């Protein structure tokens, strides 16, 4: 088992213990909205939202590259032949 799996299991167990210890109902004031909701529901919802945000932020970015455009830009920047016709006549 990898460290990542062990850490995930321990975190899930701790989160479950913390959520299950807070079963009483509390009053929440969110801007102009007052409601009574259990701590279990609120902590669970916050845990799910945090997990979803973590997955969205932590996923790798898939960048699509245009190979033709890359090769064209290489040829445009390849200026090894910078002599003018006048310079070539002078050298030869």
C-alpha atoms as a PDB file:
ATOM      1  CA  UNK A   1       0.000   0.000   0.000  1.00  0.00           C
ATOM      2  CA  UNK A   2       1.361   3.413  -0.895  1.00  0.00           C
ATOM      3  CA  UNK A   3       1.651   6.387   1.415  1.00  0.00           C
ATOM      4  CA  UNK A   4      -1.036   8.177  -0.577  1.00  0.00           C
ATOM      5  CA  UNK A   5      -3.559   5.368   0.044  1.00  0.00           C
ATOM      6  CA  UNK A   6      -2.739   5.155   3.750  1.00  0.00           C
ATOM      7  CA  UNK A   7      -3.049   8.938   4.102  1.00  0.00           C
ATOM      8  CA  UNK A   8      -6.420   8.898   2.299  1.00  0.00           C
ATOM      9  CA  UNK A   9      -7.778   6.129   4.545  1.00  0.00           C
ATOM     10  CA  UNK A  10      -6.608   7.850   7.740  1.00  0.00           C
ATOM     11  CA  UNK A  11      -8.068  11.159   6.571  1.00  0.00           C
ATOM     12  CA  UNK A  12     -11.416   9.527   5.724  1.00  0.00           C
ATOM     13  CA  UNK A  13     -11.581   7.818   9.137  1.00  0.00           C
ATOM     14  CA  UNK A  14     -10.749  11.050  10.981  1.00  0.00           C
ATOM     15  CA  UNK A  15     -13.286  12.997   8.941  1.00  0.00           C
ATOM     16  CA  UNK A  16     -15.963  10.386   9.686  1.00  0.00           C
ATOM     17  CA  UNK A  17     -15.216  10.497  13.425  1.00  0.00           C
ATOM     18  CA  UNK A  18     -15.318  14.303  13.523  1.00  0.00           C
ATOM     19  CA  UNK A  19     -18.563  14.472  11.553  1.00  0.00           C
ATOM     20  CA  UNK A  20     -20.314  11.804  13.651  1.00  0.00           C
ATOM     21  CA  UNK A  21     -19.395  13.561  16.911  1.00  0.00           C
ATOM     22  CA  UNK A  22     -21.196  16.720  15.778  1.00  0.00           C
ATOM     23  CA  UNK A  23     -24.813  15.639  15.397  1.00  0.00           C
ATOM     24  CA  UNK A  24     -26.545  18.537  17.136  1.00  0.00           C
ATOM     25  CA  UNK A  25     -28.522  21.198  15.300  1.00  0.00           C
ATOM     26  CA  UNK A  26     -27.113  24.697  15.012  1.00  0.00           C
ATOM     27  CA  UNK A  27     -28.331  27.982  13.569  1.00  0.00           C
ATOM     28  CA  UNK A  28     -26.421  29.226  10.523  1.00  0.00           C
ATOM     29  CA  UNK A  29     -26.533  32.811   9.313  1.00  0.00           C
ATOM     30  CA  UNK A  30     -25.466  33.075   5.688  1.00  0.00           C
ATOM     31  CA  UNK A  31     -25.753  36.698   4.527  1.00  0.00           C
ATOM     32  CA  UNK A  32     -29.494  37.382   4.912  1.00  0.00           C
ATOM     33  CA  UNK A  33     -30.517  33.753   5.220  1.00  0.00           C
ATOM     34  CA  UNK A  34     -31.061  32.138   8.641  1.00  0.00           C
ATOM     35  CA  UNK A  35     -31.516  28.397   8.913  1.00  0.00           C
ATOM     36  CA  UNK A  36     -31.141  25.590  11.390  1.00  0.00           C
ATOM     37  CA  UNK A  37     -29.240  22.612  10.081  1.00  0.00           C
ATOM     38  CA  UNK A  38     -27.367  19.751  11.683  1.00  0.00           C
ATOM     39  CA  UNK A  39     -23.603  19.932  11.894  1.00  0.00           C
ATOM     40  CA  UNK A  40     -23.403  16.514  10.225  1.00  0.00           C
ATOM     41  CA  UNK A  41     -25.078  17.823   7.079  1.00  0.00           C
ATOM     42  CA  UNK A  42     -23.021  21.013   6.995  1.00  0.00           C
ATOM     43  CA  UNK A  43     -19.668  19.288   7.624  1.00  0.00           C
ATOM     44  CA  UNK A  44     -20.512  16.577   5.103  1.00  0.00           C
ATOM     45  CA  UNK A  45     -21.466  19.130   2.456  1.00  0.00           C
ATOM     46  CA  UNK A  46     -18.275  21.107   3.064  1.00  0.00           C
ATOM     47  CA  UNK A  47     -16.194  17.921   2.875  1.00  0.00           C
ATOM     48  CA  UNK A  48     -17.794  16.961  -0.463  1.00  0.00           C
ATOM     49  CA  UNK A  49     -17.304  20.471  -1.875  1.00  0.00           C
ATOM     50  CA  UNK A  50     -13.668  20.502  -0.719  1.00  0.00           C
ATOM     51  CA  UNK A  51     -13.077  17.105  -2.334  1.00  0.00           C
ATOM     52  CA  UNK A  52     -14.575  18.215  -5.645  1.00  0.00           C
ATOM     53  CA  UNK A  53     -12.518  21.424  -5.635  1.00  0.00           C
ATOM     54  CA  UNK A  54      -9.377  19.442  -4.823  1.00  0.00           C
ATOM     55  CA  UNK A  55      -9.977  17.083  -7.727  1.00  0.00           C
ATOM     56  CA  UNK A  56     -10.642  19.952 -10.131  1.00  0.00           C
ATOM     57  CA  UNK A  57      -7.577  21.928  -9.060  1.00  0.00           C
ATOM     58  CA  UNK A  58      -5.271  18.927  -8.833  1.00  0.00           C
ATOM     59  CA  UNK A  59      -5.977  17.268 -12.159  1.00  0.00           C
ATOM     60  CA  UNK A  60      -3.339  17.563 -14.871  1.00  0.00           C
ATOM     61  CA  UNK A  61      -3.878  19.996 -17.677  1.00  0.00           C
ATOM     62  CA  UNK A  62      -4.213  18.466 -21.144  1.00  0.00           C
ATOM     63  CA  UNK A  63      -2.691  20.867 -23.624  1.00  0.00           C
ATOM     64  CA  UNK A  64      -3.156  20.126 -27.279  1.00  0.00           C
ATOM     65  CA  UNK A  65      -0.282  21.151 -29.465  1.00  0.00           C
ATOM     66  CA  UNK A  66      -0.507  21.868 -33.178  1.00  0.00           C
ATOM     67  CA  UNK A  67       2.540  20.084 -34.610  1.00  0.00           C
ATOM     68  CA  UNK A  68       2.333  21.843 -37.981  1.00  0.00           C
ATOM     69  CA  UNK A  69       2.280  25.255 -36.353  1.00  0.00           C
ATOM     70  CA  UNK A  70       5.251  24.279 -34.196  1.00  0.00           C
ATOM     71  CA  UNK A  71       7.296  23.209 -37.234  1.00  0.00           C
ATOM     72  CA  UNK A  72       6.306  26.363 -39.131  1.00  0.00           C
ATOM     73  CA  UNK A  73       7.425  28.553 -36.247  1.00  0.00           C
ATOM     74  CA  UNK A  74      10.761  26.726 -36.154  1.00  0.00           C
ATOM     75  CA  UNK A  75      11.353  27.449 -39.833  1.00  0.00           C
ATOM     76  CA  UNK A  76      10.331  31.095 -39.436  1.00  0.00           C
ATOM     77  CA  UNK A  77      12.806  31.584 -36.601  1.00  0.00           C
ATOM     78  CA  UNK A  78      15.602  29.775 -38.475  1.00  0.00           C
ATOM     79  CA  UNK A  79      17.549  32.717 -39.844  1.00  0.00           C
ATOM     80  CA  UNK A  80      20.928  31.124 -40.467  1.00  0.00           C
ATOM     81  CA  UNK A  81      21.125  32.696 -43.908  1.00  0.00           C
ATOM     82  CA  UNK A  82      21.050  36.415 -43.093  1.00  0.00           C
ATOM     83  CA  UNK A  83      23.376  37.667 -45.837  1.00  0.00           C
ATOM     84  CA  UNK A  84      21.948  39.962 -48.456  1.00  0.00           C
ATOM     85  CA  UNK A  85      22.686  39.512 -52.152  1.00  0.00           C
ATOM     86  CA  UNK A  86      25.035  42.493 -52.017  1.00  0.00           C
ATOM     87  CA  UNK A  87      27.033  40.899 -49.183  1.00  0.00           C
ATOM     88  CA  UNK A  88      27.295  37.631 -51.106  1.00  0.00           C
ATOM     89  CA  UNK A  89      28.639  39.473 -54.163  1.00  0.00           C
ATOM     90  CA  UNK A  90      31.206  41.259 -52.019  1.00  0.00           C
ATOM     91  CA  UNK A  91      32.421  38.024 -50.381  1.00  0.00           C
ATOM     92  CA  UNK A  92      32.749  36.089 -53.644  1.00  0.00           C
END
